[in-house]
Amino acid sequence: MKFGEFLKELRERNGVGLRDYAREINMNSGNYCKIEASVLPPPNSRGKVLDLVRKLVLSRHEINDLVDLAQDYHVEKIVGRFK
């Protein structure tokens, strides 16, 4: 599963609409939508991932999974440059 797909699933499970949630975290809804759709990359640090999900009720496991997915994305981008 991709970061954006998991983020969307968690937001929907919290019963929050995309535009409402983007507004709650002071983010442009278009950019937030692009992150969920994997058009924009996930945040590149744990702190930024936490900023993105700060208003959602998540377990520690779910937060760690999101951070791992974001890190995996960035590692794959770096490794891909050397192939």
Protein backbone atom coordinates (compact mmCIF):
# COMPACT_ATOMS: atom_id res chain seq x y z
CA MET A 1 0.00 0.00 0.00
CA LYS A 2 1.20 3.50 -0.79
CA PHE A 3 1.49 6.31 1.74
CA GLY A 4 -1.33 8.31 0.15
CA GLU A 5 -3.73 5.37 0.03
CA PHE A 6 -3.13 4.60 3.70
CA LEU A 7 -3.47 8.27 4.67
CA LYS A 8 -6.81 8.48 2.86
CA GLU A 9 -8.04 5.29 4.52
CA LEU A 10 -7.15 6.64 7.97
CA ARG A 11 -8.78 10.01 7.31
CA GLU A 12 -11.97 8.39 6.04
CA ARG A 13 -12.03 6.03 9.02
CA ASN A 14 -11.94 9.13 11.22
CA GLY A 15 -15.03 10.36 9.37
CA VAL A 16 -13.50 13.58 8.11
CA GLY A 17 -13.91 14.97 4.59
CA LEU A 18 -10.85 15.86 2.56
CA ARG A 19 -11.48 19.60 2.37
CA ASP A 20 -12.47 19.83 6.02
CA TYR A 21 -9.38 17.94 7.11
CA ALA A 22 -7.05 20.00 4.93
CA ARG A 23 -8.54 23.13 6.48
CA GLU A 24 -8.07 21.71 10.00
CA ILE A 25 -4.35 21.20 9.40
CA ASN A 26 -3.96 24.52 7.55
CA MET A 27 -3.08 22.91 4.23
CA ASN A 28 -4.29 23.67 0.73
CA SER A 29 -6.94 21.03 -0.07
CA GLY A 30 -5.58 20.59 -3.60
CA ASN A 31 -2.12 19.73 -2.29
CA TYR A 32 -3.53 17.45 0.39
CA CYS A 33 -5.59 15.65 -2.26
CA LYS A 34 -2.46 15.21 -4.39
CA ILE A 35 -0.64 13.60 -1.45
CA GLU A 36 -3.50 11.13 -0.94
CA ALA A 37 -3.53 10.40 -4.69
CA SER A 38 0.27 9.91 -4.65
CA VAL A 39 0.72 12.73 -7.18
CA LEU A 40 2.83 14.61 -4.62
CA PRO A 41 5.38 12.68 -2.55
CA PRO A 42 4.84 11.99 1.13
CA PRO A 43 6.59 14.17 3.69
CA ASN A 44 10.31 13.46 3.99
CA SER A 45 10.55 13.47 7.78
CA ARG A 46 8.76 11.92 10.74
CA GLY A 47 7.90 15.38 12.07
CA LYS A 48 6.21 16.38 8.83
CA VAL A 49 4.23 13.12 8.74
CA LEU A 50 3.10 13.84 12.30
CA ASP A 51 2.06 17.37 11.28
CA LEU A 52 0.00 15.86 8.48
CA VAL A 53 -1.93 13.48 10.78
CA ARG A 54 -2.03 15.50 13.99
CA LYS A 55 -5.83 15.85 13.96
CA LEU A 56 -6.56 12.16 13.29
CA VAL A 57 -7.12 9.60 16.02
CA LEU A 58 -4.47 6.97 15.22
CA SER A 59 -2.72 4.19 17.05
CA ARG A 60 1.03 4.30 17.50
CA HIS A 61 1.23 1.37 15.09
CA GLU A 62 -0.67 3.30 12.37
CA ILE A 63 1.59 6.33 12.82
CA ASN A 64 4.70 4.18 12.58
CA ASP A 65 3.34 2.47 9.46
CA LEU A 66 2.75 5.88 7.81
CA VAL A 67 6.26 7.02 8.71
CA ASP A 68 7.69 3.78 7.31
CA LEU A 69 5.75 4.17 4.05
CA ALA A 70 7.02 7.74 3.65
CA GLN A 71 10.60 6.69 4.33
CA ASP A 72 10.33 3.74 1.93
CA TYR A 73 9.16 6.09 -0.82
CA HIS A 74 12.15 8.39 -0.38
CA VAL A 75 14.66 5.52 -0.14
CA GLU A 76 13.29 4.02 -3.36
CA LYS A 77 13.67 7.40 -5.11
CA ILE A 78 17.31 7.62 -4.01
CA VAL A 79 18.13 4.01 -4.92
CA GLY A 80 16.39 4.47 -8.28
CA ARG A 81 18.88 7.17 -9.19
CA PHE A 82 21.71 4.65 -9.08
CA LYS A 83 20.09 1.99 -11.25
